[in-house]
Protein backbone atom coordinates (compact mmCIF):
# COMPACT_ATOMS: atom_id res chain seq x y z
CA UNK A 1 212.36 102.67 80.83
CA UNK A 2 212.35 98.99 79.84
CA UNK A 3 212.83 97.56 76.35
CA UNK A 4 210.86 94.41 75.49
CA UNK A 5 212.07 92.26 72.57
CA UNK A 6 210.07 89.26 71.30
CA UNK A 7 211.70 86.90 68.80
CA UNK A 8 210.23 83.86 67.03
CA UNK A 9 213.17 81.55 66.41
CA UNK A 10 211.79 79.63 63.41
CA UNK A 11 209.81 82.35 61.68
CA UNK A 12 206.34 83.91 61.81
CA UNK A 13 204.40 81.11 60.03
CA UNK A 14 202.99 78.07 61.85
CA UNK A 15 200.69 75.14 61.18
CA UNK A 16 197.68 74.39 63.35
CA UNK A 17 198.71 72.17 66.26
CA UNK A 18 202.32 73.35 66.36
CA UNK A 19 204.19 74.68 69.36
CA UNK A 20 204.96 78.40 69.17
CA UNK A 21 208.42 79.11 70.55
CA UNK A 22 209.13 82.74 71.38
CA UNK A 23 212.01 84.29 73.34
CA UNK A 24 211.00 87.44 75.24
CA UNK A 25 213.80 89.64 76.58
CA UNK A 26 213.33 92.49 79.06
CA UNK A 27 216.20 95.01 79.23
CA UNK A 28 216.95 98.10 81.26
CA UNK A 29 218.90 100.01 78.57
CA UNK A 30 220.53 102.55 80.89
CA UNK A 31 224.15 101.78 81.72
CA UNK A 32 225.37 101.71 85.30
CA UNK A 33 227.61 104.73 84.61
CA UNK A 34 224.69 106.92 83.55
CA UNK A 35 223.89 109.78 85.92
CA UNK A 36 220.16 109.04 85.71
CA UNK A 37 220.58 105.29 86.06
CA UNK A 38 218.09 103.57 88.30
CA UNK A 39 216.47 100.17 88.70
CA UNK A 40 213.20 99.50 86.89
CA UNK A 41 210.31 97.37 88.13
CA UNK A 42 207.56 95.46 86.34
CA UNK A 43 204.69 94.05 88.38
CA UNK A 44 203.92 91.18 86.00
CA UNK A 45 203.87 90.11 82.35
CA UNK A 46 201.83 87.54 80.44
CA UNK A 47 201.69 86.10 76.92
CA UNK A 48 198.83 84.64 74.91
CA UNK A 49 197.84 83.75 71.34
CA UNK A 50 195.17 85.94 69.83
CA UNK A 51 193.48 85.68 66.42
CA UNK A 52 191.42 88.57 65.08
CA UNK A 53 189.21 88.25 61.99
CA UNK A 54 189.06 91.31 59.71
CA UNK A 55 186.81 91.75 56.68
CA UNK A 56 185.85 94.53 54.30
CA UNK A 57 182.88 96.32 55.81
CA UNK A 58 181.67 97.20 52.31
CA UNK A 59 181.14 93.52 51.49
CA UNK A 60 180.71 91.66 54.78
CA UNK A 61 178.11 92.31 57.46
CA UNK A 62 179.75 90.75 60.52
CA UNK A 63 177.53 89.45 63.32
CA UNK A 64 177.66 91.41 66.58
CA UNK A 65 180.68 90.69 68.73
CA UNK A 66 180.45 89.10 72.15
CA UNK A 67 180.00 92.05 74.47
CA UNK A 68 180.54 90.10 77.66
CA UNK A 69 184.01 91.59 78.14
CA UNK A 70 183.82 95.36 78.13
CA UNK A 71 185.91 96.14 81.16
CA UNK A 72 188.24 93.46 82.39
CA UNK A 73 189.29 95.39 85.44
CA UNK A 74 185.68 95.47 86.61
CA UNK A 75 185.67 91.67 86.39
CA UNK A 76 188.87 91.41 88.45
CA UNK A 77 190.80 89.76 85.62
CA UNK A 78 194.57 89.98 85.38
CA UNK A 79 194.96 90.76 81.67
CA UNK A 80 193.67 93.33 79.25
CA UNK A 81 191.38 92.47 76.34
CA UNK A 82 193.88 92.02 73.44
CA UNK A 83 191.39 93.08 70.76
CA UNK A 84 190.28 96.25 72.51
CA UNK A 85 189.95 99.03 69.94
CA UNK A 86 190.21 96.67 66.95
CA UNK A 87 187.54 96.12 64.33
CA UNK A 88 186.42 92.65 63.34
CA UNK A 89 185.87 89.57 65.46
CA UNK A 90 187.98 87.59 67.90
CA UNK A 91 188.32 84.06 66.54
CA UNK A 92 190.72 82.68 69.16
CA UNK A 93 192.12 83.95 72.42
CA UNK A 94 194.04 81.47 74.57
CA UNK A 95 194.32 81.77 78.35
CA UNK A 96 197.22 84.07 79.31
CA UNK A 97 200.49 82.56 80.46
CA UNK A 98 202.15 84.45 83.32
CA UNK A 99 205.85 85.01 82.62
CA UNK A 100 206.85 86.60 85.91
CA UNK A 101 205.77 88.73 88.85
CA UNK A 102 207.71 91.63 90.39
CA UNK A 103 210.63 91.78 87.96
CA UNK A 104 213.45 94.14 88.95
CA UNK A 105 216.09 95.13 86.40
CA UNK A 106 219.23 97.04 87.37
CA UNK A 107 220.80 99.43 84.83
CA UNK A 108 222.10 97.44 81.85
CA UNK A 109 220.51 94.18 83.05
CA UNK A 110 218.49 91.83 80.82
CA UNK A 111 216.37 88.74 81.47
CA UNK A 112 214.82 86.38 78.95
CA UNK A 113 212.04 83.69 78.90
CA UNK A 114 211.90 80.70 76.15
CA UNK A 115 208.51 79.46 76.39
CA UNK A 116 206.59 76.74 74.53
CA UNK A 117 203.01 77.68 73.75
CA UNK A 118 200.87 75.05 72.07
CA UNK A 119 198.11 75.93 69.66
CA UNK A 120 194.79 74.46 70.84
CA UNK A 121 193.85 71.09 69.39
CA UNK A 122 191.61 68.11 70.01
CA UNK A 123 193.65 65.54 71.90
CA UNK A 124 191.32 62.77 70.78
CA UNK A 125 192.34 63.23 67.15
CA UNK A 126 195.90 64.44 67.66
CA UNK A 127 198.07 62.57 65.12
CA UNK A 128 201.13 60.51 65.97
CA UNK A 129 204.01 59.45 63.76
CA UNK A 130 205.12 55.79 64.16
CA UNK A 131 208.33 56.45 62.20
CA UNK A 132 209.76 58.83 64.81
CA UNK A 133 211.57 57.26 67.74
CA UNK A 134 210.26 57.86 71.23
CA UNK A 135 213.08 59.49 73.13
CA UNK A 136 213.04 60.55 76.74
CA UNK A 137 212.04 64.18 77.01
CA UNK A 138 210.75 64.31 73.42
CA UNK A 139 207.36 65.98 73.48
CA UNK A 140 204.55 64.84 71.28
CA UNK A 141 203.91 68.46 70.36
CA UNK A 142 207.35 68.83 68.81
CA UNK A 143 206.51 66.14 66.23
CA UNK A 144 203.36 67.79 64.94
CA UNK A 145 205.14 70.04 62.42
CA UNK A 146 207.02 67.08 60.92
CA UNK A 147 203.88 64.97 60.76
CA UNK A 148 201.77 67.77 59.28
CA UNK A 149 204.40 68.37 56.59
CA UNK A 150 204.50 64.64 55.88
CA UNK A 151 200.72 64.50 55.51
CA UNK A 152 200.82 67.47 53.14
CA UNK A 153 203.42 65.73 51.00
CA UNK A 154 201.32 62.55 50.85
CA UNK A 155 198.12 64.44 49.97
CA UNK A 156 199.75 66.50 47.21
CA UNK A 157 201.97 63.78 45.72
CA UNK A 158 199.15 61.42 44.70
CA UNK A 159 198.96 61.28 40.92
CA UNK A 160 196.05 59.99 38.89
CA UNK A 161 195.33 60.69 35.24
CA UNK A 162 192.33 62.98 34.76
CA UNK A 163 191.08 63.35 31.18
CA UNK A 164 188.42 65.88 30.14
CA UNK A 165 186.76 66.24 26.75
CA UNK A 166 186.61 69.82 25.52
CA UNK A 167 183.58 70.42 23.33
CA UNK A 168 181.02 73.03 22.39
CA UNK A 169 177.58 72.79 20.81
CA UNK A 170 179.12 72.04 17.38
CA UNK A 171 181.39 69.18 18.37
CA UNK A 172 184.63 68.11 20.02
CA UNK A 173 187.52 70.57 20.26
CA UNK A 174 190.10 68.39 22.00
CA UNK A 175 191.05 66.82 25.32
CA UNK A 176 192.66 68.18 28.46
CA UNK A 177 194.92 66.09 30.72
CA UNK A 178 196.00 66.81 34.30
CA UNK A 179 197.68 64.37 36.69
CA UNK A 180 196.43 65.75 40.00
CA UNK A 181 193.95 68.26 41.38
CA UNK A 182 195.39 68.71 44.90
CA UNK A 183 198.38 71.05 45.29
CA UNK A 184 200.21 72.91 48.01
CA UNK A 185 201.27 76.54 48.04
CA UNK A 186 204.42 77.03 45.93
CA UNK A 187 203.80 74.17 43.48
CA UNK A 188 203.22 74.48 39.72
CA UNK A 189 199.91 73.47 38.14
CA UNK A 190 200.77 71.61 34.92
CA UNK A 191 198.33 70.48 32.26
CA UNK A 192 198.40 69.39 28.60
CA UNK A 193 196.02 69.76 25.65
CA UNK A 194 195.52 67.48 22.65
CA UNK A 195 193.72 68.95 19.65
CA UNK A 196 194.62 66.21 17.13
CA UNK A 197 191.29 64.35 17.51
CA UNK A 198 189.10 67.43 17.58
CA UNK A 199 186.41 68.14 15.02
CA UNK A 200 186.37 71.90 15.67
CA UNK A 201 189.60 73.89 15.14
CA UNK A 202 190.84 75.71 18.26
CA UNK A 203 192.38 79.06 17.38
CA UNK A 204 193.42 80.23 20.82
CA UNK A 205 193.14 79.21 24.47
CA UNK A 206 193.94 80.79 27.82
CA UNK A 207 194.20 79.27 31.31
CA UNK A 208 193.99 81.36 34.49
CA UNK A 209 194.77 80.25 38.04
CA UNK A 210 192.09 81.95 40.12
CA UNK A 211 190.71 82.16 43.63
CA UNK A 212 186.98 82.50 44.22
CA UNK A 213 185.97 84.38 47.36
CA UNK A 214 182.33 84.03 48.34
CA UNK A 215 180.40 85.33 51.35
CA UNK A 216 177.65 83.31 52.99
CA UNK A 217 174.26 84.76 52.12
CA UNK A 218 173.34 85.79 55.66
CA UNK A 219 176.52 87.86 55.99
CA UNK A 220 176.37 89.62 52.60
CA UNK A 221 176.16 93.39 52.78
CA UNK A 222 173.82 93.42 49.75
CA UNK A 223 171.51 90.68 48.55
CA UNK A 224 172.83 88.89 45.49
CA UNK A 225 176.35 90.17 46.07
CA UNK A 226 178.65 88.83 43.33
CA UNK A 227 181.52 86.45 43.95
CA UNK A 228 184.99 88.01 43.90
CA UNK A 229 187.67 86.48 41.64
CA UNK A 230 191.44 87.05 41.75
CA UNK A 231 193.87 85.93 39.01
CA UNK A 232 197.24 84.68 40.31
CA UNK A 233 198.76 83.38 37.05
CA UNK A 234 197.74 83.18 33.38
CA UNK A 235 198.84 81.40 30.22
CA UNK A 236 197.59 82.30 26.71
CA UNK A 237 198.52 80.67 23.42
CA UNK A 238 197.50 80.63 19.76
CA UNK A 239 197.08 77.00 18.73
CA UNK A 240 195.65 76.77 15.18
CA UNK A 241 196.96 73.54 13.55
CA UNK A 242 198.67 72.63 16.82
CA UNK A 243 198.38 68.96 17.76
CA UNK A 244 199.46 69.30 21.41
CA UNK A 245 200.19 72.07 23.87
CA UNK A 246 200.81 72.50 27.61
CA UNK A 247 200.98 75.11 30.36
CA UNK A 248 202.59 75.56 33.78
CA UNK A 249 201.10 78.01 36.30
CA UNK A 250 202.93 78.63 39.61
CA UNK A 251 200.94 78.97 42.84
CA UNK A 252 202.57 81.97 44.60
CA UNK A 253 204.11 81.31 48.01
CA UNK A 254 202.46 84.49 49.24
CA UNK A 255 198.94 83.28 48.39
CA UNK A 256 196.35 81.78 50.74
CA UNK A 257 195.29 78.12 50.73
CA UNK A 258 191.63 77.28 50.33
CA UNK A 259 189.43 77.46 53.42
CA UNK A 260 185.81 77.66 54.49
CA UNK A 261 184.28 79.37 57.51
CA UNK A 262 180.72 80.17 58.52
CA UNK A 263 181.21 83.68 57.07
CA UNK A 264 183.45 83.43 54.01
CA UNK A 265 185.07 80.76 51.83
CA UNK A 266 188.05 80.79 49.47
CA UNK A 267 188.27 78.24 46.67
CA UNK A 268 190.79 77.69 43.87
CA UNK A 269 190.05 76.89 40.25
CA UNK A 270 191.45 76.78 36.72
CA UNK A 271 189.49 79.04 34.37
CA UNK A 272 189.71 78.09 30.68
CA UNK A 273 188.70 80.23 27.72
CA UNK A 274 188.65 78.83 24.17
CA UNK A 275 188.32 80.58 20.81
CA UNK A 276 187.24 78.17 18.08
CA UNK A 277 186.61 78.53 14.38
CA UNK A 278 183.05 78.61 13.10
CA UNK A 279 184.25 76.73 10.02
CA UNK A 280 186.19 73.54 9.30
CA UNK A 281 189.95 73.32 9.63
CA UNK A 282 190.50 73.36 5.86
CA UNK A 283 188.91 76.76 5.41
CA UNK A 284 191.32 78.39 7.83
CA UNK A 285 193.93 78.49 5.05
CA UNK A 286 193.74 79.70 1.45
CA UNK A 287 195.91 78.70 -1.52
CA UNK A 288 198.14 81.26 -3.14
CA UNK A 289 198.20 82.07 -6.88
CA UNK A 290 201.81 81.04 -7.63
CA UNK A 291 202.03 78.58 -10.54
CA UNK A 292 205.25 76.79 -9.60
CA UNK A 293 204.78 76.37 -5.84
CA UNK A 294 201.87 76.17 -3.47
CA UNK A 295 201.70 78.77 -0.72
CA UNK A 296 199.13 78.66 2.08
CA UNK A 297 198.19 81.81 3.94
CA UNK A 298 195.74 82.60 6.69
CA UNK A 299 192.34 84.01 5.86
CA UNK A 300 191.70 87.67 6.58
CA UNK A 301 188.36 87.15 8.31
CA UNK A 302 186.90 84.19 10.13
CA UNK A 303 183.80 83.42 12.12
CA UNK A 304 184.69 82.40 15.67
CA UNK A 305 182.96 81.01 18.73
CA UNK A 306 184.09 81.46 22.33
CA UNK A 307 183.28 79.45 25.44
CA UNK A 308 184.74 78.99 28.91
CA UNK A 309 185.13 76.19 31.46
CA UNK A 310 186.05 76.06 35.15
CA UNK A 311 187.91 73.19 36.83
CA UNK A 312 187.98 73.28 40.67
CA UNK A 313 191.27 72.35 42.35
CA UNK A 314 192.37 72.16 45.98
CA UNK A 315 195.29 74.20 47.31
CA UNK A 316 196.68 73.24 50.73
CA UNK A 317 199.23 74.99 52.98
CA UNK A 318 202.94 74.45 52.47
CA UNK A 319 205.93 73.95 54.74
CA UNK A 320 205.81 76.89 57.20
CA UNK A 321 209.56 77.43 56.87
CA UNK A 322 209.16 78.11 53.13
CA UNK A 323 206.21 80.41 53.74
CA UNK A 324 208.27 82.36 56.29
CA UNK A 325 210.66 83.48 53.55
CA UNK A 326 207.95 85.49 51.79
CA UNK A 327 205.84 86.41 54.82
CA UNK A 328 205.13 90.10 55.37
CA UNK A 329 205.39 89.61 59.11
CA UNK A 330 208.63 90.02 61.00
CA UNK A 331 210.04 87.38 63.34
CA UNK A 332 211.21 90.08 65.75
CA UNK A 333 209.27 92.90 67.36
CA UNK A 334 210.11 95.30 70.18
CA UNK A 335 208.40 97.91 72.34
CA UNK A 336 209.57 100.34 74.96
CA UNK A 337 207.74 100.68 78.26
């Protein structure tokens, strides 16, 4: 019996182009004093990165998988097919890396391997960071995580005032202001409203942070299949006679950044819903009957109009170390052979 323990030192979340560092330890758990103690042998072991795409079969009609690899032993290969028995499609499968051949472990003995495995990338467009010193033995691959994080910070820190007029068929309701439309996972989406210059009174508004999941037409299970929406955060407020208001919606660390593939795409948006009065602002209040003082109260019934608006935003990945804190995947896994 041999115990195999694999441990990712930095966590289970990585950015594309990073180096995956994993320590694999093989142990013969029997002690030398055990009566059944004996040496154990392993012919060989290999490691590789494999990515399997899964989708709901009720909504997605996946194209047929590549059937060129049905029996690897018949093709005289040295590794098994890692996605054998799994549903879905293989998106990425790197060449296997041989760890050892003919490993012998005496009772109680352990041996480990710390290996660097680089995610595939295009060398022609591989980024470089001029602010990092070139030291002897410093690999270019080790700088990719720092550079990718730096690029994310630059892309999501740009601020530019975006103003939008909110109006319906009867006139202007107000204005909406947001300072950026590109965020990273874990940030807060902040926006402000101004109703002071509106012609139509706004009684209530709500803002939802949503993802829109759409399937390319050729892979839809049914023709005209509707788009799927998921709400991640929501803010609702009554705002009659309110000059200004604001909201803050957090993007959960456990959510997925936007992406697009040839099968499915995920986009982020802000979904607004407004309830406006069908009458002027002055008719939203009525005067009381007291003779000495004036009291204003709300009307019992009011004609209202409703309309909605969608504002697309971009959501990018975040620092993989932060994402590791909320990841559902463990950094350590073990099996017994």
